[in-house]
Amino acid sequence: MEIQEGELKEKLISWIDSADTRPVDEQQYDLTEKFLLPDMEAVIKELTDLRKAFDAKIKIVLKRMLSDLPPQYANDPSLRNPRNYPVGFCDTISDGIWVEILKGMRFPSTAGIKALSHFSHRGGHLKKIAGIQHGRFFQNALQAGSLFVDTANDSVDKTKPPVNICDLSQSGFANIDDFSSQADIIEKYWGDRIFPQRIFPFLTPLYPIIHISKLGRVEILPITRGVIAKNVFADFGLAEDFIFRSRFAGEELPAKLHAKMERNFSWDEDNYDFDCGTARGDIFYRNGAPDDLVREVFERLRNVDSEYLLELIGGSTSSVRDFNRLKIQL
């Protein structure tokens, strides 16, 4: 599928930009050196103060979460456990501090916010980023020109200082560019299991991963908009690689999952058209769709008119949400 210049391409690019780092060129190095490095002490102090204020505000939310947390999930690393705050709350903290930074930049009054504001208004890249750090865990942070700004530095190891700023090139941060990288971190960091998503073949080109937690929670892995966009630009080759060529390709879902899923889904092998506007995500293939059907779905999707693509993505995303709301437990 060729993505022409226009609204669709702009939207896909914006999805990628919402989480990925931007290139660090000579201008970004110059702006960083001129507006941020001289006031780095003030920037760190400002971010540390914002983090302290955020921690104080979130205590009420943590108490509410603790009362709602089922006992069996207390030691599940894939869930945010309020007892372990700030561990596991990287995105919550990063998003919260980012909101406060944006508020402060409207009427900057402190040295640290003024430095960030001057830097941004002169073309410096100041944005949220989300990806993988050190090849071991997921990370949410900020990019400020040539700098990596982590306001949740203690969200993996709570003994570390809450704020850390270093050179982006030395941070160990990497954008998520394929499905296998994401799956690897889920297995390494959370200790969960990953399987190729063939049970709903019409969702496979956009949502190719089944995720089962250590406690048996089953979901079709939600995919970030950035990775969806990269997959589209790759003509759905990222999903195809994961399904057919990754180390996960031969993994078979646990047999006891089939009975649970058959209560909610059925397969009609005589009626599996692939309409441009419909993902038919409700069609369940008990033992996983065979290669020929999955390949056919990929090929048909590549031939869909691009004007229907956003509608198709939206329908697929809704189907995934509906499935995950079932909260299937092994």
C-alpha atoms as a PDB file:
ATOM      1  CA  MET A   1       0.000   0.000   0.000  1.00  0.00           C
ATOM      2  CA  GLU A   2       1.431   3.343  -1.042  1.00  0.00           C
ATOM      3  CA  ILE A   3       0.723   6.180   1.378  1.00  0.00           C
ATOM      4  CA  GLN A   4       0.358   9.351  -0.645  1.00  0.00           C
ATOM      5  CA  GLU A   5       1.090  12.849   0.587  1.00  0.00           C
ATOM      6  CA  GLY A   6      -1.906  14.258   2.418  1.00  0.00           C
ATOM      7  CA  GLU A   7      -3.942  14.033   5.596  1.00  0.00           C
ATOM      8  CA  LEU A   8      -3.380  10.301   6.171  1.00  0.00           C
ATOM      9  CA  LYS A   9       0.390  10.541   5.833  1.00  0.00           C
ATOM     10  CA  GLU A  10       0.533  13.591   8.082  1.00  0.00           C
ATOM     11  CA  LYS A  11      -1.502  11.793  10.735  1.00  0.00           C
ATOM     12  CA  LEU A  12       0.719   8.696  10.631  1.00  0.00           C
ATOM     13  CA  ILE A  13       3.830  10.849  10.935  1.00  0.00           C
ATOM     14  CA  SER A  14       2.280  12.684  13.888  1.00  0.00           C
ATOM     15  CA  TRP A  15       1.579   9.326  15.575  1.00  0.00           C
ATOM     16  CA  ILE A  16       5.247   8.395  15.277  1.00  0.00           C
ATOM     17  CA  ASP A  17       6.363  11.798  16.509  1.00  0.00           C
ATOM     18  CA  SER A  18       4.125  11.531  19.565  1.00  0.00           C
ATOM     19  CA  ALA A  19       6.528   9.075  21.228  1.00  0.00           C
ATOM     20  CA  ASP A  20       9.783   8.908  19.233  1.00  0.00           C
ATOM     21  CA  THR A  21      12.853  11.047  19.622  1.00  0.00           C
ATOM     22  CA  ARG A  22      13.504  13.670  16.982  1.00  0.00           C
ATOM     23  CA  PRO A  23      16.864  13.862  15.192  1.00  0.00           C
ATOM     24  CA  VAL A  24      19.565  15.777  17.034  1.00  0.00           C
ATOM     25  CA  ASP A  25      21.274  17.986  14.472  1.00  0.00           C
ATOM     26  CA  GLU A  26      23.732  20.856  14.825  1.00  0.00           C
ATOM     27  CA  GLN A  27      20.933  23.317  15.588  1.00  0.00           C
ATOM     28  CA  GLN A  28      19.696  21.187  18.501  1.00  0.00           C
ATOM     29  CA  TYR A  29      23.203  20.895  19.918  1.00  0.00           C
ATOM     30  CA  ASP A  30      23.654  24.672  19.660  1.00  0.00           C
ATOM     31  CA  LEU A  31      20.301  25.460  21.281  1.00  0.00           C
ATOM     32  CA  THR A  32      20.964  22.975  24.077  1.00  0.00           C
ATOM     33  CA  GLU A  33      24.376  24.468  24.749  1.00  0.00           C
ATOM     34  CA  LYS A  34      23.101  28.044  24.671  1.00  0.00           C
ATOM     35  CA  PHE A  35      19.821  27.851  26.592  1.00  0.00           C
ATOM     36  CA  LEU A  36      19.898  24.702  28.762  1.00  0.00           C
ATOM     37  CA  LEU A  37      23.411  23.800  29.831  1.00  0.00           C
ATOM     38  CA  PRO A  38      24.178  27.174  31.498  1.00  0.00           C
ATOM     39  CA  ASP A  39      21.011  26.849  33.638  1.00  0.00           C
ATOM     40  CA  MET A  40      21.125  23.095  34.166  1.00  0.00           C
ATOM     41  CA  GLU A  41      21.255  23.384  37.939  1.00  0.00           C
ATOM     42  CA  ALA A  42      18.076  25.504  37.896  1.00  0.00           C
ATOM     43  CA  VAL A  43      16.350  23.081  35.497  1.00  0.00           C
ATOM     44  CA  ILE A  44      17.136  20.095  37.723  1.00  0.00           C
ATOM     45  CA  LYS A  45      15.929  21.973  40.807  1.00  0.00           C
ATOM     46  CA  GLU A  46      12.686  22.944  39.059  1.00  0.00           C
ATOM     47  CA  LEU A  47      11.984  19.396  37.899  1.00  0.00           C
ATOM     48  CA  THR A  48      12.814  18.001  41.335  1.00  0.00           C
ATOM     49  CA  ASP A  49      10.388  20.459  42.961  1.00  0.00           C
ATOM     50  CA  LEU A  50       7.687  19.518  40.444  1.00  0.00           C
ATOM     51  CA  ARG A  51       8.268  15.845  41.193  1.00  0.00           C
ATOM     52  CA  LYS A  52       7.961  16.390  44.941  1.00  0.00           C
ATOM     53  CA  ALA A  53       4.676  18.226  44.423  1.00  0.00           C
ATOM     54  CA  PHE A  54       3.412  15.458  42.118  1.00  0.00           C
ATOM     55  CA  ASP A  55       4.300  12.754  44.649  1.00  0.00           C
ATOM     56  CA  ALA A  56       2.336  14.592  47.313  1.00  0.00           C
ATOM     57  CA  LYS A  57      -0.734  14.931  45.082  1.00  0.00           C
ATOM     58  CA  ILE A  58      -0.797  11.316  43.932  1.00  0.00           C
ATOM     59  CA  LYS A  59      -1.006   9.874  47.462  1.00  0.00           C
ATOM     60  CA  ILE A  60      -4.812  10.073  47.387  1.00  0.00           C
ATOM     61  CA  VAL A  61      -4.921   8.222  44.073  1.00  0.00           C
ATOM     62  CA  LEU A  62      -2.550   5.552  45.393  1.00  0.00           C
ATOM     63  CA  LYS A  63      -4.770   4.913  48.408  1.00  0.00           C
ATOM     64  CA  ARG A  64      -7.768   4.447  46.126  1.00  0.00           C
ATOM     65  CA  MET A  65      -5.802   2.084  43.873  1.00  0.00           C
ATOM     66  CA  LEU A  66      -4.661   0.051  46.869  1.00  0.00           C
ATOM     67  CA  SER A  67      -8.234  -0.495  48.019  1.00  0.00           C
ATOM     68  CA  ASP A  68      -9.212  -1.702  44.530  1.00  0.00           C
ATOM     69  CA  LEU A  69      -6.208  -3.984  43.923  1.00  0.00           C
ATOM     70  CA  PRO A  70      -7.126  -7.705  44.074  1.00  0.00           C
ATOM     71  CA  PRO A  71      -4.784  -9.562  46.465  1.00  0.00           C
ATOM     72  CA  GLN A  72      -3.605 -11.980  43.753  1.00  0.00           C
ATOM     73  CA  TYR A  73      -2.204  -9.071  41.736  1.00  0.00           C
ATOM     74  CA  ALA A  74      -0.033  -7.714  44.538  1.00  0.00           C
ATOM     75  CA  ASN A  75       3.166  -9.182  43.080  1.00  0.00           C
ATOM     76  CA  ASP A  76       2.378  -8.875  39.369  1.00  0.00           C
ATOM     77  CA  PRO A  77       5.126  -6.662  37.844  1.00  0.00           C
ATOM     78  CA  SER A  78       2.978  -5.860  34.811  1.00  0.00           C
ATOM     79  CA  LEU A  79       0.523  -4.011  37.079  1.00  0.00           C
ATOM     80  CA  ARG A  80       1.051  -0.767  38.942  1.00  0.00           C
ATOM     81  CA  ASN A  81       1.203  -1.714  42.601  1.00  0.00           C
ATOM     82  CA  PRO A  82       0.569   1.373  44.737  1.00  0.00           C
ATOM     83  CA  ARG A  83       2.615  -0.195  47.537  1.00  0.00           C
ATOM     84  CA  ASN A  84       5.701  -0.004  45.326  1.00  0.00           C
ATOM     85  CA  TYR A  85       5.285   3.588  44.101  1.00  0.00           C
ATOM     86  CA  PRO A  86       7.148   5.014  42.224  1.00  0.00           C
ATOM     87  CA  VAL A  87       8.178   1.653  40.717  1.00  0.00           C
ATOM     88  CA  GLY A  88       5.976   0.907  37.713  1.00  0.00           C
ATOM     89  CA  PHE A  89       4.524   4.412  37.486  1.00  0.00           C
ATOM     90  CA  CYS A  90       6.951   5.796  34.918  1.00  0.00           C
ATOM     91  CA  ASP A  91       4.360   6.981  32.405  1.00  0.00           C
ATOM     92  CA  THR A  92       2.053   8.395  35.085  1.00  0.00           C
ATOM     93  CA  ILE A  93       4.855  10.435  36.619  1.00  0.00           C
ATOM     94  CA  SER A  94       6.325  11.562  33.295  1.00  0.00           C
ATOM     95  CA  ASP A  95       2.936  12.631  31.950  1.00  0.00           C
ATOM     96  CA  GLY A  96       2.126  14.478  35.161  1.00  0.00           C
ATOM     97  CA  ILE A  97       5.393  16.415  35.219  1.00  0.00           C
ATOM     98  CA  TRP A  98       5.035  17.225  31.521  1.00  0.00           C
ATOM     99  CA  VAL A  99       1.635  18.799  32.174  1.00  0.00           C
ATOM    100  CA  GLU A 100       3.157  20.939  34.926  1.00  0.00           C
ATOM    101  CA  ILE A 101       6.011  22.008  32.645  1.00  0.00           C
ATOM    102  CA  LEU A 102       3.547  23.116  29.980  1.00  0.00           C
ATOM    103  CA  LYS A 103       1.542  25.051  32.574  1.00  0.00           C
ATOM    104  CA  GLY A 104       4.667  26.767  33.829  1.00  0.00           C
ATOM    105  CA  MET A 105       5.815  27.720  30.346  1.00  0.00           C
ATOM    106  CA  ARG A 106       2.664  29.784  29.779  1.00  0.00           C
ATOM    107  CA  PHE A 107       3.924  32.356  32.273  1.00  0.00           C
ATOM    108  CA  PRO A 108       7.480  31.308  33.184  1.00  0.00           C
ATOM    109  CA  SER A 109       8.560  32.675  36.540  1.00  0.00           C
ATOM    110  CA  THR A 110      11.426  30.447  37.688  1.00  0.00           C
ATOM    111  CA  ALA A 111      14.922  30.134  36.242  1.00  0.00           C
ATOM    112  CA  GLY A 112      14.438  26.494  35.291  1.00  0.00           C
ATOM    113  CA  ILE A 113      11.130  26.993  33.475  1.00  0.00           C
ATOM    114  CA  LYS A 114      12.449  30.134  31.790  1.00  0.00           C
ATOM    115  CA  ALA A 115      15.384  28.163  30.406  1.00  0.00           C
ATOM    116  CA  LEU A 116      13.070  25.464  29.032  1.00  0.00           C
ATOM    117  CA  SER A 117      10.716  28.094  27.607  1.00  0.00           C
ATOM    118  CA  HIS A 118      13.470  30.081  25.867  1.00  0.00           C
ATOM    119  CA  PHE A 119      14.901  26.855  24.465  1.00  0.00           C
ATOM    120  CA  SER A 120      11.534  25.650  23.134  1.00  0.00           C
ATOM    121  CA  HIS A 121      10.449  28.964  21.625  1.00  0.00           C
ATOM    122  CA  ARG A 122      13.676  29.170  19.625  1.00  0.00           C
ATOM    123  CA  GLY A 123      13.129  25.807  17.985  1.00  0.00           C
ATOM    124  CA  GLY A 124      14.481  23.379  20.542  1.00  0.00           C
ATOM    125  CA  HIS A 125      12.914  19.907  20.605  1.00  0.00           C
ATOM    126  CA  LEU A 126      11.069  19.673  23.908  1.00  0.00           C
ATOM    127  CA  LYS A 127       8.693  16.704  23.871  1.00  0.00           C
ATOM    128  CA  LYS A 128       7.577  13.474  25.474  1.00  0.00           C
ATOM    129  CA  ILE A 129       9.224  10.237  24.379  1.00  0.00           C
ATOM    130  CA  ALA A 130       8.428   6.602  25.128  1.00  0.00           C
ATOM    131  CA  GLY A 131      10.495   3.569  24.221  1.00  0.00           C
ATOM    132  CA  ILE A 132      12.985   1.044  25.568  1.00  0.00           C
ATOM    133  CA  GLN A 133      15.972   1.786  27.790  1.00  0.00           C
ATOM    134  CA  HIS A 134      19.135  -0.299  28.006  1.00  0.00           C
ATOM    135  CA  GLY A 135      17.309  -3.092  26.170  1.00  0.00           C
ATOM    136  CA  ARG A 136      15.730  -4.105  29.500  1.00  0.00           C
ATOM    137  CA  PHE A 137      12.646  -2.068  30.344  1.00  0.00           C
ATOM    138  CA  PHE A 138      10.090   0.365  28.966  1.00  0.00           C
ATOM    139  CA  GLN A 139      10.780   4.033  29.586  1.00  0.00           C
ATOM    140  CA  ASN A 140       8.855   7.300  29.405  1.00  0.00           C
ATOM    141  CA  ALA A 141      10.866  10.496  29.476  1.00  0.00           C
ATOM    142  CA  LEU A 142      11.422  13.840  27.760  1.00  0.00           C
ATOM    143  CA  GLN A 143      13.739  14.926  24.999  1.00  0.00           C
ATOM    144  CA  ALA A 144      15.188  18.403  25.351  1.00  0.00           C
ATOM    145  CA  GLY A 145      17.358  18.944  22.304  1.00  0.00           C
ATOM    146  CA  SER A 146      20.376  16.702  22.752  1.00  0.00           C
ATOM    147  CA  LEU A 147      19.387  15.798  26.316  1.00  0.00           C
ATOM    148  CA  PHE A 148      17.457  12.901  27.837  1.00  0.00           C
ATOM    149  CA  VAL A 149      15.333  14.164  30.725  1.00  0.00           C
ATOM    150  CA  ASP A 150      13.963  11.521  33.092  1.00  0.00           C
ATOM    151  CA  THR A 151      11.607  12.772  35.794  1.00  0.00           C
ATOM    152  CA  ALA A 152      10.770   9.206  36.862  1.00  0.00           C
ATOM    153  CA  ASN A 153      14.309   7.897  37.193  1.00  0.00           C
ATOM    154  CA  ASP A 154      13.330   5.917  40.296  1.00  0.00           C
ATOM    155  CA  SER A 155      10.409   4.081  38.647  1.00  0.00           C
ATOM    156  CA  VAL A 156      12.499   0.927  38.099  1.00  0.00           C
ATOM    157  CA  ASP A 157      14.871   1.232  41.072  1.00  0.00           C
ATOM    158  CA  LYS A 158      13.454   3.398  43.854  1.00  0.00           C
ATOM    159  CA  THR A 159      16.920   3.946  45.365  1.00  0.00           C
ATOM    160  CA  LYS A 160      17.887   6.143  42.413  1.00  0.00           C
ATOM    161  CA  PRO A 161      17.362   9.929  42.413  1.00  0.00           C
ATOM    162  CA  PRO A 162      13.950  10.865  40.968  1.00  0.00           C
ATOM    163  CA  VAL A 163      15.326  13.208  38.288  1.00  0.00           C
ATOM    164  CA  ASN A 164      18.161  12.452  35.912  1.00  0.00           C
ATOM    165  CA  ILE A 165      19.396  14.402  32.898  1.00  0.00           C
ATOM    166  CA  CYS A 166      22.068  13.112  30.566  1.00  0.00           C
ATOM    167  CA  ASP A 167      23.103  13.218  26.930  1.00  0.00           C
ATOM    168  CA  LEU A 168      20.486  11.460  24.810  1.00  0.00           C
ATOM    169  CA  SER A 169      23.173   9.532  22.945  1.00  0.00           C
ATOM    170  CA  GLN A 170      24.449   8.125  26.252  1.00  0.00           C
ATOM    171  CA  SER A 171      21.057   7.373  27.802  1.00  0.00           C
ATOM    172  CA  GLY A 172      20.545   3.891  26.399  1.00  0.00           C
ATOM    173  CA  PHE A 173      17.129   4.973  25.128  1.00  0.00           C
ATOM    174  CA  ALA A 174      15.763   3.543  21.874  1.00  0.00           C
ATOM    175  CA  ASN A 175      12.505   4.052  20.022  1.00  0.00           C
ATOM    176  CA  ILE A 176      10.241   1.020  19.557  1.00  0.00           C
ATOM    177  CA  ASP A 177      10.586   0.192  15.870  1.00  0.00           C
ATOM    178  CA  ASP A 178       9.089  -3.291  15.650  1.00  0.00           C
ATOM    179  CA  PHE A 179       6.865  -5.775  17.453  1.00  0.00           C
ATOM    180  CA  SER A 180       9.609  -8.199  18.447  1.00  0.00           C
ATOM    181  CA  SER A 181      11.467  -5.584  20.511  1.00  0.00           C
ATOM    182  CA  GLN A 182       8.310  -4.804  22.468  1.00  0.00           C
ATOM    183  CA  ALA A 183       7.594  -8.507  22.990  1.00  0.00           C
ATOM    184  CA  ASP A 184      11.163  -9.168  24.167  1.00  0.00           C
ATOM    185  CA  ILE A 185      10.916  -6.526  26.888  1.00  0.00           C
ATOM    186  CA  ILE A 186       7.546  -7.835  28.096  1.00  0.00           C
ATOM    187  CA  GLU A 187       9.088 -11.265  28.585  1.00  0.00           C
ATOM    188  CA  LYS A 188      12.339 -10.002  30.124  1.00  0.00           C
ATOM    189  CA  TYR A 189      10.973  -7.193  32.289  1.00  0.00           C
ATOM    190  CA  TRP A 190       7.585  -8.565  33.341  1.00  0.00           C
ATOM    191  CA  GLY A 191       8.272 -12.279  32.983  1.00  0.00           C
ATOM    192  CA  ASP A 192       5.067 -12.733  30.971  1.00  0.00           C
ATOM    193  CA  ARG A 193       4.450 -14.857  27.862  1.00  0.00           C
ATOM    194  CA  ILE A 194       4.015 -13.698  24.274  1.00  0.00           C
ATOM    195  CA  PHE A 195       2.299 -15.531  21.409  1.00  0.00           C
ATOM    196  CA  PRO A 196       1.532 -14.742  17.758  1.00  0.00           C
ATOM    197  CA  GLN A 197      -2.032 -13.476  17.428  1.00  0.00           C
ATOM    198  CA  ARG A 198      -3.654 -15.788  14.880  1.00  0.00           C
ATOM    199  CA  ILE A 199      -6.947 -16.447  16.639  1.00  0.00           C
ATOM    200  CA  PHE A 200      -8.505 -13.318  15.124  1.00  0.00           C
ATOM    201  CA  PRO A 201      -6.764 -13.339  11.734  1.00  0.00           C
ATOM    202  CA  PHE A 202      -8.444 -10.161  10.485  1.00  0.00           C
ATOM    203  CA  LEU A 203      -6.791  -8.262  13.337  1.00  0.00           C
ATOM    204  CA  THR A 204      -3.374  -9.844  12.858  1.00  0.00           C
ATOM    205  CA  PRO A 205      -1.807  -7.293  10.450  1.00  0.00           C
ATOM    206  CA  LEU A 206      -2.423  -4.495  12.984  1.00  0.00           C
ATOM    207  CA  TYR A 207      -2.491  -6.403  16.296  1.00  0.00           C
ATOM    208  CA  PRO A 208      -0.200  -9.441  15.988  1.00  0.00           C
ATOM    209  CA  ILE A 209       0.534 -10.148  19.680  1.00  0.00           C
ATOM    210  CA  ILE A 210      -1.252 -12.137  22.376  1.00  0.00           C
ATOM    211  CA  HIS A 211       0.006 -11.317  25.875  1.00  0.00           C
ATOM    212  CA  ILE A 212      -0.547 -13.621  28.862  1.00  0.00           C
ATOM    213  CA  SER A 213       0.636 -12.386  32.242  1.00  0.00           C
ATOM    214  CA  LYS A 214       2.243 -14.576  34.877  1.00  0.00           C
ATOM    215  CA  LEU A 215      -1.106 -14.611  36.665  1.00  0.00           C
ATOM    216  CA  GLY A 216      -2.932 -15.768  33.533  1.00  0.00           C
ATOM    217  CA  ARG A 217      -4.547 -12.546  32.330  1.00  0.00           C
ATOM    218  CA  VAL A 218      -5.068 -12.759  28.555  1.00  0.00           C
ATOM    219  CA  GLU A 219      -5.130  -9.764  26.214  1.00  0.00           C
ATOM    220  CA  ILE A 220      -4.452  -8.810  22.652  1.00  0.00           C
ATOM    221  CA  LEU A 221      -1.523  -6.525  23.260  1.00  0.00           C
ATOM    222  CA  PRO A 222      -2.482  -2.872  22.799  1.00  0.00           C
ATOM    223  CA  ILE A 223      -0.152  -1.317  20.237  1.00  0.00           C
ATOM    224  CA  THR A 224       0.958   2.295  20.410  1.00  0.00           C
ATOM    225  CA  ARG A 225      -0.104   4.584  17.577  1.00  0.00           C
ATOM    226  CA  GLY A 226       3.537   5.127  16.654  1.00  0.00           C
ATOM    227  CA  VAL A 227       4.191   1.429  16.080  1.00  0.00           C
ATOM    228  CA  ILE A 228       0.900   1.114  14.182  1.00  0.00           C
ATOM    229  CA  ALA A 229       2.055   3.938  11.895  1.00  0.00           C
ATOM    230  CA  LYS A 230       5.485   2.379  11.359  1.00  0.00           C
ATOM    231  CA  ASN A 231       3.812  -0.915  10.519  1.00  0.00           C
ATOM    232  CA  VAL A 232       1.585   0.828   7.953  1.00  0.00           C
ATOM    233  CA  PHE A 233       4.554   2.601   6.366  1.00  0.00           C
ATOM    234  CA  ALA A 234       6.289  -0.798   6.178  1.00  0.00           C
ATOM    235  CA  ASP A 235       3.278  -2.152   4.258  1.00  0.00           C
ATOM    236  CA  PHE A 236       2.412  -4.247   7.330  1.00  0.00           C
ATOM    237  CA  GLY A 237       5.772  -5.988   7.091  1.00  0.00           C
ATOM    238  CA  LEU A 238       6.532  -5.468  10.807  1.00  0.00           C
ATOM    239  CA  ALA A 239       3.500  -7.529  11.800  1.00  0.00           C
ATOM    240  CA  GLU A 240       4.220 -10.099   9.085  1.00  0.00           C
ATOM    241  CA  ASP A 241       7.791 -10.500  10.332  1.00  0.00           C
ATOM    242  CA  PHE A 242       6.551 -11.045  13.873  1.00  0.00           C
ATOM    243  CA  ILE A 243       3.971 -13.656  12.826  1.00  0.00           C
ATOM    244  CA  PHE A 244       6.131 -15.637  10.414  1.00  0.00           C
ATOM    245  CA  ARG A 245       9.799 -14.936  11.125  1.00  0.00           C
ATOM    246  CA  SER A 246      10.334 -13.834  14.729  1.00  0.00           C
ATOM    247  CA  ARG A 247      11.400 -16.166  17.539  1.00  0.00           C
ATOM    248  CA  PHE A 248       7.773 -16.084  18.696  1.00  0.00           C
ATOM    249  CA  ALA A 249       6.381 -17.397  15.388  1.00  0.00           C
ATOM    250  CA  GLY A 250       6.134 -21.040  16.432  1.00  0.00           C
ATOM    251  CA  GLU A 251       4.655 -20.459  19.893  1.00  0.00           C
ATOM    252  CA  GLU A 252       1.266 -22.129  20.433  1.00  0.00           C
ATOM    253  CA  LEU A 253      -1.348 -20.790  22.822  1.00  0.00           C
ATOM    254  CA  PRO A 254      -2.129 -22.879  25.919  1.00  0.00           C
ATOM    255  CA  ALA A 255      -4.806 -25.478  25.152  1.00  0.00           C
ATOM    256  CA  LYS A 256      -6.983 -24.435  28.096  1.00  0.00           C
ATOM    257  CA  LEU A 257      -7.443 -21.003  26.519  1.00  0.00           C
ATOM    258  CA  HIS A 258      -9.527 -22.425  23.669  1.00  0.00           C
ATOM    259  CA  ALA A 259     -12.511 -23.511  25.769  1.00  0.00           C
ATOM    260  CA  LYS A 260     -12.705 -20.156  27.522  1.00  0.00           C
ATOM    261  CA  MET A 261     -12.659 -18.256  24.251  1.00  0.00           C
ATOM    262  CA  GLU A 262     -15.200 -20.451  22.483  1.00  0.00           C
ATOM    263  CA  ARG A 263     -17.836 -19.202  24.920  1.00  0.00           C
ATOM    264  CA  ASN A 264     -17.608 -15.764  23.340  1.00  0.00           C
ATOM    265  CA  PHE A 265     -16.537 -16.297  19.719  1.00  0.00           C
ATOM    266  CA  SER A 266     -17.345 -18.493  16.741  1.00  0.00           C
ATOM    267  CA  TRP A 267     -15.730 -19.195  13.397  1.00  0.00           C
ATOM    268  CA  ASP A 268     -17.558 -19.330  10.087  1.00  0.00           C
ATOM    269  CA  GLU A 269     -15.051 -20.516   7.519  1.00  0.00           C
ATOM    270  CA  ASP A 270     -17.563 -20.114   4.680  1.00  0.00           C
ATOM    271  CA  ASN A 271     -18.056 -16.404   5.341  1.00  0.00           C
ATOM    272  CA  TYR A 272     -14.824 -14.547   5.929  1.00  0.00           C
ATOM    273  CA  ASP A 273     -14.869 -11.655   3.506  1.00  0.00           C
ATOM    274  CA  PHE A 274     -12.474  -8.788   4.163  1.00  0.00           C
ATOM    275  CA  ASP A 275     -14.559  -5.687   3.597  1.00  0.00           C
ATOM    276  CA  CYS A 276     -12.608  -2.434   3.284  1.00  0.00           C
ATOM    277  CA  GLY A 277     -14.380  -0.858   6.201  1.00  0.00           C
ATOM    278  CA  THR A 278     -14.616  -3.832   8.523  1.00  0.00           C
ATOM    279  CA  ALA A 279     -11.906  -5.824  10.280  1.00  0.00           C
ATOM    280  CA  ARG A 280     -14.315  -8.704  11.130  1.00  0.00           C
ATOM    281  CA  GLY A 281     -12.443  -8.871  14.408  1.00  0.00           C
ATOM    282  CA  ASP A 282     -15.199 -10.936  16.018  1.00  0.00           C
ATOM    283  CA  ILE A 283     -14.302 -14.023  13.950  1.00  0.00           C
ATOM    284  CA  PHE A 284     -12.423 -16.501  16.128  1.00  0.00           C
ATOM    285  CA  TYR A 285     -10.194 -19.236  14.743  1.00  0.00           C
ATOM    286  CA  ARG A 286      -9.965 -21.870  17.430  1.00  0.00           C
ATOM    287  CA  ASN A 287      -6.440 -23.210  16.917  1.00  0.00           C
ATOM    288  CA  GLY A 288      -5.025 -20.181  15.155  1.00  0.00           C
ATOM    289  CA  ALA A 289      -5.614 -19.396  11.504  1.00  0.00           C
ATOM    290  CA  PRO A 290      -3.413 -21.338   9.073  1.00  0.00           C
ATOM    291  CA  ASP A 291      -0.594 -19.647   7.188  1.00  0.00           C
ATOM    292  CA  ASP A 292      -2.469 -19.383   3.912  1.00  0.00           C
ATOM    293  CA  LEU A 293      -5.393 -17.523   5.462  1.00  0.00           C
ATOM    294  CA  VAL A 294      -3.140 -15.174   7.451  1.00  0.00           C
ATOM    295  CA  ARG A 295      -1.090 -14.404   4.343  1.00  0.00           C
ATOM    296  CA  GLU A 296      -4.296 -13.761   2.418  1.00  0.00           C
ATOM    297  CA  VAL A 297      -5.419 -11.260   5.042  1.00  0.00           C
ATOM    298  CA  PHE A 298      -2.104  -9.430   4.753  1.00  0.00           C
ATOM    299  CA  GLU A 299      -2.375  -9.282   0.983  1.00  0.00           C
ATOM    300  CA  ARG A 300      -5.971  -8.096   1.014  1.00  0.00           C
ATOM    301  CA  LEU A 301      -5.126  -5.375   3.511  1.00  0.00           C
ATOM    302  CA  ARG A 302      -2.292  -4.171   1.291  1.00  0.00           C
ATOM    303  CA  ASN A 303      -4.806  -3.752  -1.508  1.00  0.00           C
ATOM    304  CA  VAL A 304      -7.303  -1.760   0.548  1.00  0.00           C
ATOM    305  CA  ASP A 305      -7.733   1.813  -0.664  1.00  0.00           C
ATOM    306  CA  SER A 306      -5.771   4.030   1.706  1.00  0.00           C
ATOM    307  CA  GLU A 307      -8.801   6.286   2.214  1.00  0.00           C
ATOM    308  CA  TYR A 308     -10.395   3.490   4.237  1.00  0.00           C
ATOM    309  CA  LEU A 309      -7.295   2.800   6.300  1.00  0.00           C
ATOM    310  CA  LEU A 310      -8.039   5.026   9.295  1.00  0.00           C
ATOM    311  CA  GLU A 311     -11.544   3.555   9.492  1.00  0.00           C
ATOM    312  CA  LEU A 312     -10.050   0.073   9.400  1.00  0.00           C
ATOM    313  CA  ILE A 313      -7.533   0.920  12.136  1.00  0.00           C
ATOM    314  CA  GLY A 314     -10.301   2.380  14.271  1.00  0.00           C
ATOM    315  CA  GLY A 315     -12.483  -0.706  13.832  1.00  0.00           C
ATOM    316  CA  SER A 316      -9.605  -3.025  14.689  1.00  0.00           C
ATOM    317  CA  THR A 317      -8.735  -1.003  17.783  1.00  0.00           C
ATOM    318  CA  SER A 318     -12.356  -1.157  18.959  1.00  0.00           C
ATOM    319  CA  SER A 319     -12.393  -4.931  18.485  1.00  0.00           C
ATOM    320  CA  VAL A 320      -9.214  -5.273  20.546  1.00  0.00           C
ATOM    321  CA  ARG A 321     -10.683  -3.145  23.332  1.00  0.00           C
ATOM    322  CA  ASP A 322     -13.858  -5.221  23.338  1.00  0.00           C
ATOM    323  CA  PHE A 323     -11.847  -8.427  23.608  1.00  0.00           C
ATOM    324  CA  ASN A 324      -9.650  -7.116  26.417  1.00  0.00           C
ATOM    325  CA  ARG A 325     -12.733  -5.953  28.348  1.00  0.00           C
ATOM    326  CA  LEU A 326     -13.733  -9.613  28.663  1.00  0.00           C
ATOM    327  CA  LYS A 327     -10.815 -10.012  31.111  1.00  0.00           C
ATOM    328  CA  ILE A 328     -10.196 -13.624  30.175  1.00  0.00           C
ATOM    329  CA  GLN A 329      -8.261 -15.409  32.909  1.00  0.00           C
ATOM    330  CA  LEU A 330      -6.510 -18.774  32.567  1.00  0.00           C
END
